[in-house]
Amino acid sequence: MLEESKEKAAFALKLPKDVVLGEVLVSFLGRHSVVIENYRSIILYTDCSIKIQAKNCRVIISGSRLMIEYYTNEEMKINGFIKSLEFE
């Protein structure tokens, strides 16, 4: 119910839902880069799997030669050969 109220408020005020609801944003740049915004922490980091904790879910990126190019409090960029992305 609270999420629905927040969603209605975001629509009425013309605010982006990702900002109001704290949703994770995932942007692919081909098969070799992905930018993740609105994450909380890095749970697992290997060259074949990266697991990220977001507010409402976990994001798992699988592939090979995965590497976090950079990360800040708001976003991170992952490079490598990306095979899949899964929400948990």
PDB file of N, CA and C in Angstrom:
ATOM      1  N   MET A   1       0.820  -1.187   0.000  1.00  0.00           N
ATOM      2  CA  MET A   1       0.000   0.000   0.000  1.00  0.00           C
ATOM      3  C   MET A   1       0.870   1.261   0.000  1.00  0.00           C
ATOM      4  N   LEU A   2       1.936   1.255   0.798  1.00  0.00           N
ATOM      5  CA  LEU A   2       2.829   2.406   0.855  1.00  0.00           C
ATOM      6  C   LEU A   2       3.511   2.641  -0.489  1.00  0.00           C
ATOM      7  N   GLU A   3       3.937   1.546  -1.141  1.00  0.00           N
ATOM      8  CA  GLU A   3       4.578   1.669  -2.455  1.00  0.00           C
ATOM      9  C   GLU A   3       3.617   2.284  -3.464  1.00  0.00           C
ATOM     10  N   GLU A   4       2.351   1.877  -3.401  1.00  0.00           N
ATOM     11  CA  GLU A   4       1.341   2.409  -4.313  1.00  0.00           C
ATOM     12  C   GLU A   4       1.153   3.907  -4.081  1.00  0.00           C
ATOM     13  N   SER A   5       1.140   4.335  -2.831  1.00  0.00           N
ATOM     14  CA  SER A   5       1.012   5.756  -2.498  1.00  0.00           C
ATOM     15  C   SER A   5       2.205   6.551  -3.021  1.00  0.00           C
ATOM     16  N   LYS A   6       3.388   5.994  -2.862  1.00  0.00           N
ATOM     17  CA  LYS A   6       4.596   6.658  -3.352  1.00  0.00           C
ATOM     18  C   LYS A   6       4.560   6.774  -4.870  1.00  0.00           C
ATOM     19  N   GLU A   7       4.081   5.708  -5.526  1.00  0.00           N
ATOM     20  CA  GLU A   7       4.005   5.707  -6.976  1.00  0.00           C
ATOM     21  C   GLU A   7       3.023   6.770  -7.463  1.00  0.00           C
ATOM     22  N   LYS A   8       1.882   6.886  -6.809  1.00  0.00           N
ATOM     23  CA  LYS A   8       0.889   7.907  -7.172  1.00  0.00           C
ATOM     24  C   LYS A   8       1.445   9.308  -6.947  1.00  0.00           C
ATOM     25  N   ALA A   9       2.160   9.504  -5.847  1.00  0.00           N
ATOM     26  CA  ALA A   9       2.755  10.804  -5.558  1.00  0.00           C
ATOM     27  C   ALA A   9       3.802  11.167  -6.610  1.00  0.00           C
ATOM     28  N   ALA A  10       4.610  10.201  -6.997  1.00  0.00           N
ATOM     29  CA  ALA A  10       5.629  10.436  -8.018  1.00  0.00           C
ATOM     30  C   ALA A  10       4.976  10.861  -9.328  1.00  0.00           C
ATOM     31  N   PHE A  11       3.885  10.182  -9.696  1.00  0.00           N
ATOM     32  CA  PHE A  11       3.174  10.511 -10.926  1.00  0.00           C
ATOM     33  C   PHE A  11       2.575  11.911 -10.838  1.00  0.00           C
ATOM     34  N   ALA A  12       1.911  12.216  -9.731  1.00  0.00           N
ATOM     35  CA  ALA A  12       1.261  13.512  -9.558  1.00  0.00           C
ATOM     36  C   ALA A  12       2.266  14.665  -9.570  1.00  0.00           C
ATOM     37  N   LEU A  13       3.420  14.448  -8.968  1.00  0.00           N
ATOM     38  CA  LEU A  13       4.442  15.496  -8.897  1.00  0.00           C
ATOM     39  C   LEU A  13       5.401  15.473 -10.079  1.00  0.00           C
ATOM     40  N   LYS A  14       5.181  14.514 -10.985  1.00  0.00           N
ATOM     41  CA  LYS A  14       6.035  14.346 -12.168  1.00  0.00           C
ATOM     42  C   LYS A  14       7.501  14.120 -11.784  1.00  0.00           C
ATOM     43  N   LEU A  15       7.691  13.304 -10.742  1.00  0.00           N
ATOM     44  CA  LEU A  15       9.032  12.930 -10.297  1.00  0.00           C
ATOM     45  C   LEU A  15       9.371  11.549 -10.849  1.00  0.00           C
ATOM     46  N   PRO A  16      10.640  11.291 -11.116  1.00  0.00           N
ATOM     47  CA  PRO A  16      11.029   9.957 -11.597  1.00  0.00           C
ATOM     48  C   PRO A  16      10.741   8.894 -10.542  1.00  0.00           C
ATOM     49  N   LYS A  17      10.122   7.788 -10.966  1.00  0.00           N
ATOM     50  CA  LYS A  17       9.775   6.717 -10.025  1.00  0.00           C
ATOM     51  C   LYS A  17      11.011   6.112  -9.377  1.00  0.00           C
ATOM     52  N   ASP A  18      12.106   6.000 -10.125  1.00  0.00           N
ATOM     53  CA  ASP A  18      13.305   5.387  -9.553  1.00  0.00           C
ATOM     54  C   ASP A  18      13.824   6.186  -8.365  1.00  0.00           C
ATOM     55  N   VAL A  19      13.672   7.497  -8.411  1.00  0.00           N
ATOM     56  CA  VAL A  19      14.141   8.337  -7.311  1.00  0.00           C
ATOM     57  C   VAL A  19      13.223   8.181  -6.101  1.00  0.00           C
ATOM     58  N   VAL A  20      11.925   8.249  -6.322  1.00  0.00           N
ATOM     59  CA  VAL A  20      10.958   8.189  -5.220  1.00  0.00           C
ATOM     60  C   VAL A  20      10.934   6.807  -4.583  1.00  0.00           C
ATOM     61  N   LEU A  21      10.953   5.759  -5.413  1.00  0.00           N
ATOM     62  CA  LEU A  21      10.842   4.395  -4.906  1.00  0.00           C
ATOM     63  C   LEU A  21      12.193   3.760  -4.589  1.00  0.00           C
ATOM     64  N   GLY A  22      13.277   4.396  -5.004  1.00  0.00           N
ATOM     65  CA  GLY A  22      14.598   3.839  -4.743  1.00  0.00           C
ATOM     66  C   GLY A  22      14.896   2.598  -5.566  1.00  0.00           C
ATOM     67  N   GLU A  23      14.277   2.491  -6.731  1.00  0.00           N
ATOM     68  CA  GLU A  23      14.480   1.324  -7.580  1.00  0.00           C
ATOM     69  C   GLU A  23      15.885   1.313  -8.178  1.00  0.00           C
ATOM     70  N   VAL A  24      16.400   0.118  -8.383  1.00  0.00           N
ATOM     71  CA  VAL A  24      17.697  -0.045  -9.023  1.00  0.00           C
ATOM     72  C   VAL A  24      17.529   0.210 -10.525  1.00  0.00           C
ATOM     73  N   LEU A  25      18.494   0.892 -11.122  1.00  0.00           N
ATOM     74  CA  LEU A  25      18.504   1.159 -12.558  1.00  0.00           C
ATOM     75  C   LEU A  25      19.662   0.396 -13.176  1.00  0.00           C
ATOM     76  N   VAL A  26      19.379  -0.310 -14.256  1.00  0.00           N
ATOM     77  CA  VAL A  26      20.403  -1.093 -14.937  1.00  0.00           C
ATOM     78  C   VAL A  26      20.427  -0.658 -16.392  1.00  0.00           C
ATOM     79  N   SER A  27      21.594  -0.216 -16.873  1.00  0.00           N
ATOM     80  CA  SER A  27      21.747   0.224 -18.265  1.00  0.00           C
ATOM     81  C   SER A  27      22.858  -0.585 -18.921  1.00  0.00           C
ATOM     82  N   PHE A  28      22.513  -1.280 -20.002  1.00  0.00           N
ATOM     83  CA  PHE A  28      23.507  -2.053 -20.737  1.00  0.00           C
ATOM     84  C   PHE A  28      24.104  -1.201 -21.843  1.00  0.00           C
ATOM     85  N   LEU A  29      25.397  -1.363 -22.039  1.00  0.00           N
ATOM     86  CA  LEU A  29      26.105  -0.758 -23.154  1.00  0.00           C
ATOM     87  C   LEU A  29      26.651  -1.912 -23.977  1.00  0.00           C
ATOM     88  N   GLY A  30      25.784  -2.522 -24.785  1.00  0.00           N
ATOM     89  CA  GLY A  30      26.161  -3.723 -25.512  1.00  0.00           C
ATOM     90  C   GLY A  30      26.259  -4.899 -24.565  1.00  0.00           C
ATOM     91  N   ARG A  31      27.115  -5.879 -24.911  1.00  0.00           N
ATOM     92  CA  ARG A  31      27.306  -7.058 -24.062  1.00  0.00           C
ATOM     93  C   ARG A  31      28.545  -6.952 -23.190  1.00  0.00           C
ATOM     94  N   HIS A  32      29.193  -5.797 -23.237  1.00  0.00           N
ATOM     95  CA  HIS A  32      30.475  -5.681 -22.551  1.00  0.00           C
ATOM     96  C   HIS A  32      30.509  -4.678 -21.405  1.00  0.00           C
ATOM     97  N   SER A  33      29.427  -3.940 -21.189  1.00  0.00           N
ATOM     98  CA  SER A  33      29.385  -2.978 -20.083  1.00  0.00           C
ATOM     99  C   SER A  33      27.970  -2.864 -19.545  1.00  0.00           C
ATOM    100  N   VAL A  34      27.886  -2.652 -18.237  1.00  0.00           N
ATOM    101  CA  VAL A  34      26.600  -2.400 -17.595  1.00  0.00           C
ATOM    102  C   VAL A  34      26.834  -1.368 -16.494  1.00  0.00           C
ATOM    103  N   VAL A  35      25.906  -0.413 -16.398  1.00  0.00           N
ATOM    104  CA  VAL A  35      25.951   0.602 -15.349  1.00  0.00           C
ATOM    105  C   VAL A  35      24.771   0.345 -14.425  1.00  0.00           C
ATOM    106  N   ILE A  36      25.045   0.269 -13.135  1.00  0.00           N
ATOM    107  CA  ILE A  36      24.005   0.017 -12.131  1.00  0.00           C
ATOM    108  C   ILE A  36      23.932   1.229 -11.218  1.00  0.00           C
ATOM    109  N   GLU A  37      22.715   1.771 -11.072  1.00  0.00           N
ATOM    110  CA  GLU A  37      22.490   2.931 -10.208  1.00  0.00           C
ATOM    111  C   GLU A  37      21.555   2.539  -9.074  1.00  0.00           C
ATOM    112  N   ASN A  38      21.638   3.266  -7.984  1.00  0.00           N
ATOM    113  CA  ASN A  38      20.794   3.059  -6.801  1.00  0.00           C
ATOM    114  C   ASN A  38      21.035   1.698  -6.145  1.00  0.00           C
ATOM    115  N   TYR A  39      22.273   1.328  -5.973  1.00  0.00           N
ATOM    116  CA  TYR A  39      22.589   0.076  -5.286  1.00  0.00           C
ATOM    117  C   TYR A  39      23.041   0.398  -3.866  1.00  0.00           C
ATOM    118  N   ARG A  40      23.046  -0.616  -3.026  1.00  0.00           N
ATOM    119  CA  ARG A  40      23.462  -0.407  -1.627  1.00  0.00           C
ATOM    120  C   ARG A  40      24.860  -0.932  -1.345  1.00  0.00           C
ATOM    121  N   SER A  41      25.152  -2.165  -1.827  1.00  0.00           N
ATOM    122  CA  SER A  41      26.465  -2.735  -1.512  1.00  0.00           C
ATOM    123  C   SER A  41      26.819  -3.835  -2.505  1.00  0.00           C
ATOM    124  N   ILE A  42      28.093  -4.194  -2.488  1.00  0.00           N
ATOM    125  CA  ILE A  42      28.605  -5.312  -3.282  1.00  0.00           C
ATOM    126  C   ILE A  42      28.673  -6.514  -2.352  1.00  0.00           C
ATOM    127  N   ILE A  43      27.968  -7.580  -2.718  1.00  0.00           N
ATOM    128  CA  ILE A  43      27.932  -8.785  -1.885  1.00  0.00           C
ATOM    129  C   ILE A  43      29.016  -9.769  -2.309  1.00  0.00           C
ATOM    130  N   LEU A  44      29.192  -9.945  -3.620  1.00  0.00           N
ATOM    131  CA  LEU A  44      30.146 -10.919  -4.165  1.00  0.00           C
ATOM    132  C   LEU A  44      30.813 -10.307  -5.381  1.00  0.00           C
ATOM    133  N   TYR A  45      32.128 -10.503  -5.486  1.00  0.00           N
ATOM    134  CA  TYR A  45      32.859  -9.960  -6.629  1.00  0.00           C
ATOM    135  C   TYR A  45      33.928 -10.950  -7.054  1.00  0.00           C
ATOM    136  N   THR A  46      33.681 -11.649  -8.162  1.00  0.00           N
ATOM    137  CA  THR A  46      34.689 -12.507  -8.782  1.00  0.00           C
ATOM    138  C   THR A  46      34.743 -12.146 -10.261  1.00  0.00           C
ATOM    139  N   ASP A  47      35.654 -12.757 -11.003  1.00  0.00           N
ATOM    140  CA  ASP A  47      35.750 -12.441 -12.431  1.00  0.00           C
ATOM    141  C   ASP A  47      34.632 -13.079 -13.256  1.00  0.00           C
ATOM    142  N   CYS A  48      33.805 -13.944 -12.639  1.00  0.00           N
ATOM    143  CA  CYS A  48      32.700 -14.553 -13.377  1.00  0.00           C
ATOM    144  C   CYS A  48      31.325 -14.258 -12.773  1.00  0.00           C
ATOM    145  N   SER A  49      31.277 -13.593 -11.618  1.00  0.00           N
ATOM    146  CA  SER A  49      29.997 -13.279 -10.994  1.00  0.00           C
ATOM    147  C   SER A  49      30.127 -12.076 -10.061  1.00  0.00           C
ATOM    148  N   ILE A  50      29.165 -11.158 -10.186  1.00  0.00           N
ATOM    149  CA  ILE A  50      29.110 -10.012  -9.290  1.00  0.00           C
ATOM    150  C   ILE A  50      27.684  -9.930  -8.762  1.00  0.00           C
ATOM    151  N   LYS A  51      27.553  -9.910  -7.443  1.00  0.00           N
ATOM    152  CA  LYS A  51      26.240  -9.837  -6.810  1.00  0.00           C
ATOM    153  C   LYS A  51      26.147  -8.514  -6.060  1.00  0.00           C
ATOM    154  N   ILE A  52      25.088  -7.754  -6.369  1.00  0.00           N
ATOM    155  CA  ILE A  52      24.882  -6.422  -5.827  1.00  0.00           C
ATOM    156  C   ILE A  52      23.592  -6.408  -5.010  1.00  0.00           C
ATOM    157  N   GLN A  53      23.623  -5.772  -3.847  1.00  0.00           N
ATOM    158  CA  GLN A  53      22.413  -5.581  -3.048  1.00  0.00           C
ATOM    159  C   GLN A  53      21.799  -4.232  -3.401  1.00  0.00           C
ATOM    160  N   ALA A  54      20.551  -4.246  -3.835  1.00  0.00           N
ATOM    161  CA  ALA A  54      19.794  -3.017  -4.076  1.00  0.00           C
ATOM    162  C   ALA A  54      18.784  -2.873  -2.946  1.00  0.00           C
ATOM    163  N   LYS A  55      17.955  -1.868  -3.006  1.00  0.00           N
ATOM    164  CA  LYS A  55      16.991  -1.643  -1.926  1.00  0.00           C
ATOM    165  C   LYS A  55      15.986  -2.786  -1.828  1.00  0.00           C
ATOM    166  N   ASN A  56      15.422  -3.197  -2.958  1.00  0.00           N
ATOM    167  CA  ASN A  56      14.330  -4.172  -2.965  1.00  0.00           C
ATOM    168  C   ASN A  56      14.701  -5.535  -3.516  1.00  0.00           C
ATOM    169  N   CYS A  57      15.947  -5.721  -3.933  1.00  0.00           N
ATOM    170  CA  CYS A  57      16.324  -6.994  -4.553  1.00  0.00           C
ATOM    171  C   CYS A  57      17.843  -7.116  -4.604  1.00  0.00           C
ATOM    172  N   ARG A  58      18.285  -8.239  -5.114  1.00  0.00           N
ATOM    173  CA  ARG A  58      19.704  -8.434  -5.420  1.00  0.00           C
ATOM    174  C   ARG A  58      19.835  -8.570  -6.931  1.00  0.00           C
ATOM    175  N   VAL A  59      20.934  -8.074  -7.468  1.00  0.00           N
ATOM    176  CA  VAL A  59      21.213  -8.149  -8.897  1.00  0.00           C
ATOM    177  C   VAL A  59      22.458  -9.004  -9.065  1.00  0.00           C
ATOM    178  N   ILE A  60      22.355 -10.032  -9.901  1.00  0.00           N
ATOM    179  CA  ILE A  60      23.482 -10.934 -10.134  1.00  0.00           C
ATOM    180  C   ILE A  60      23.882 -10.848 -11.602  1.00  0.00           C
ATOM    181  N   ILE A  61      25.130 -10.462 -11.854  1.00  0.00           N
ATOM    182  CA  ILE A  61      25.668 -10.397 -13.197  1.00  0.00           C
ATOM    183  C   ILE A  61      26.621 -11.557 -13.357  1.00  0.00           C
ATOM    184  N   SER A  62      26.411 -12.352 -14.400  1.00  0.00           N
ATOM    185  CA  SER A  62      27.274 -13.502 -14.674  1.00  0.00           C
ATOM    186  C   SER A  62      27.946 -13.310 -16.015  1.00  0.00           C
ATOM    187  N   GLY A  63      29.162 -13.824 -16.130  1.00  0.00           N
ATOM    188  CA  GLY A  63      29.898 -13.718 -17.379  1.00  0.00           C
ATOM    189  C   GLY A  63      31.337 -14.152 -17.187  1.00  0.00           C
ATOM    190  N   SER A  64      32.219 -13.539 -17.956  1.00  0.00           N
ATOM    191  CA  SER A  64      33.644 -13.837 -17.820  1.00  0.00           C
ATOM    192  C   SER A  64      34.434 -12.534 -17.915  1.00  0.00           C
ATOM    193  N   ARG A  65      35.600 -12.544 -17.293  1.00  0.00           N
ATOM    194  CA  ARG A  65      36.478 -11.369 -17.237  1.00  0.00           C
ATOM    195  C   ARG A  65      35.727 -10.136 -16.723  1.00  0.00           C
ATOM    196  N   LEU A  66      34.833 -10.348 -15.757  1.00  0.00           N
ATOM    197  CA  LEU A  66      34.075  -9.229 -15.187  1.00  0.00           C
ATOM    198  C   LEU A  66      34.979  -8.409 -14.282  1.00  0.00           C
ATOM    199  N   MET A  67      34.802  -7.095 -14.353  1.00  0.00           N
ATOM    200  CA  MET A  67      35.632  -6.184 -13.583  1.00  0.00           C
ATOM    201  C   MET A  67      34.821  -4.919 -13.296  1.00  0.00           C
ATOM    202  N   ILE A  68      34.862  -4.452 -12.071  1.00  0.00           N
ATOM    203  CA  ILE A  68      34.216  -3.184 -11.740  1.00  0.00           C
ATOM    204  C   ILE A  68      35.170  -2.070 -12.144  1.00  0.00           C
ATOM    205  N   GLU A  69      34.783  -1.310 -13.162  1.00  0.00           N
ATOM    206  CA  GLU A  69      35.629  -0.218 -13.652  1.00  0.00           C
ATOM    207  C   GLU A  69      35.676   0.925 -12.635  1.00  0.00           C
ATOM    208  N   TYR A  70      34.513   1.276 -12.089  1.00  0.00           N
ATOM    209  CA  TYR A  70      34.458   2.294 -11.046  1.00  0.00           C
ATOM    210  C   TYR A  70      33.178   2.104 -10.248  1.00  0.00           C
ATOM    211  N   TYR A  71      33.162   2.658  -9.042  1.00  0.00           N
ATOM    212  CA  TYR A  71      31.929   2.708  -8.264  1.00  0.00           C
ATOM    213  C   TYR A  71      31.955   3.923  -7.359  1.00  0.00           C
ATOM    214  N   THR A  72      30.769   4.493  -7.166  1.00  0.00           N
ATOM    215  CA  THR A  72      30.569   5.605  -6.251  1.00  0.00           C
ATOM    216  C   THR A  72      29.415   5.203  -5.329  1.00  0.00           C
ATOM    217  N   ASN A  73      28.954   6.107  -4.500  1.00  0.00           N
ATOM    218  CA  ASN A  73      27.811   5.811  -3.639  1.00  0.00           C
ATOM    219  C   ASN A  73      26.529   5.625  -4.441  1.00  0.00           C
ATOM    220  N   GLU A  74      26.457   6.169  -5.656  1.00  0.00           N
ATOM    221  CA  GLU A  74      25.241   6.115  -6.450  1.00  0.00           C
ATOM    222  C   GLU A  74      25.270   5.102  -7.591  1.00  0.00           C
ATOM    223  N   GLU A  75      26.444   4.883  -8.197  1.00  0.00           N
ATOM    224  CA  GLU A  75      26.473   4.019  -9.382  1.00  0.00           C
ATOM    225  C   GLU A  75      27.794   3.275  -9.510  1.00  0.00           C
ATOM    226  N   MET A  76      27.751   2.243 -10.349  1.00  0.00           N
ATOM    227  CA  MET A  76      28.972   1.510 -10.678  1.00  0.00           C
ATOM    228  C   MET A  76      28.916   1.066 -12.134  1.00  0.00           C
ATOM    229  N   LYS A  77      30.083   0.867 -12.713  1.00  0.00           N
ATOM    230  CA  LYS A  77      30.181   0.378 -14.085  1.00  0.00           C
ATOM    231  C   LYS A  77      30.970  -0.920 -14.072  1.00  0.00           C
ATOM    232  N   ILE A  78      30.395  -1.937 -14.704  1.00  0.00           N
ATOM    233  CA  ILE A  78      31.016  -3.258 -14.782  1.00  0.00           C
ATOM    234  C   ILE A  78      31.332  -3.544 -16.237  1.00  0.00           C
ATOM    235  N   ASN A  79      32.558  -3.989 -16.499  1.00  0.00           N
ATOM    236  CA  ASN A  79      32.990  -4.367 -17.846  1.00  0.00           C
ATOM    237  C   ASN A  79      33.317  -5.846 -17.879  1.00  0.00           C
ATOM    238  N   GLY A  80      33.292  -6.427 -19.068  1.00  0.00           N
ATOM    239  CA  GLY A  80      33.617  -7.828 -19.271  1.00  0.00           C
ATOM    240  C   GLY A  80      32.651  -8.417 -20.269  1.00  0.00           C
ATOM    241  N   PHE A  81      32.659  -9.729 -20.405  1.00  0.00           N
ATOM    242  CA  PHE A  81      31.711 -10.398 -21.288  1.00  0.00           C
ATOM    243  C   PHE A  81      30.507 -10.804 -20.444  1.00  0.00           C
ATOM    244  N   ILE A  82      29.388 -10.101 -20.616  1.00  0.00           N
ATOM    245  CA  ILE A  82      28.203 -10.315 -19.793  1.00  0.00           C
ATOM    246  C   ILE A  82      27.305 -11.362 -20.437  1.00  0.00           C
ATOM    247  N   LYS A  83      27.100 -12.467 -19.716  1.00  0.00           N
ATOM    248  CA  LYS A  83      26.228 -13.535 -20.211  1.00  0.00           C
ATOM    249  C   LYS A  83      24.793 -13.336 -19.762  1.00  0.00           C
ATOM    250  N   SER A  84      24.610 -12.913 -18.490  1.00  0.00           N
ATOM    251  CA  SER A  84      23.235 -12.776 -17.984  1.00  0.00           C
ATOM    252  C   SER A  84      23.185 -11.813 -16.805  1.00  0.00           C
ATOM    253  N   LEU A  85      21.978 -11.323 -16.565  1.00  0.00           N
ATOM    254  CA  LEU A  85      21.689 -10.513 -15.410  1.00  0.00           C
ATOM    255  C   LEU A  85      20.406 -11.078 -14.805  1.00  0.00           C
ATOM    256  N   GLU A  86      20.422 -11.278 -13.506  1.00  0.00           N
ATOM    257  CA  GLU A  86      19.290 -11.904 -12.827  1.00  0.00           C
ATOM    258  C   GLU A  86      18.930 -11.087 -11.592  1.00  0.00           C
ATOM    259  N   PHE A  87      17.625 -11.000 -11.320  1.00  0.00           N
ATOM    260  CA  PHE A  87      17.146 -10.370 -10.101  1.00  0.00           C
ATOM    261  C   PHE A  87      16.759 -11.456  -9.120  1.00  0.00           C
ATOM    262  N   GLU A  88      17.158 -11.303  -7.880  1.00  0.00           N
ATOM    263  CA  GLU A  88      16.897 -12.317  -6.852  1.00  0.00           C
ATOM    264  C   GLU A  88      16.109 -11.700  -5.718  1.00  0.00           C
TER     265      GLU A  88
END
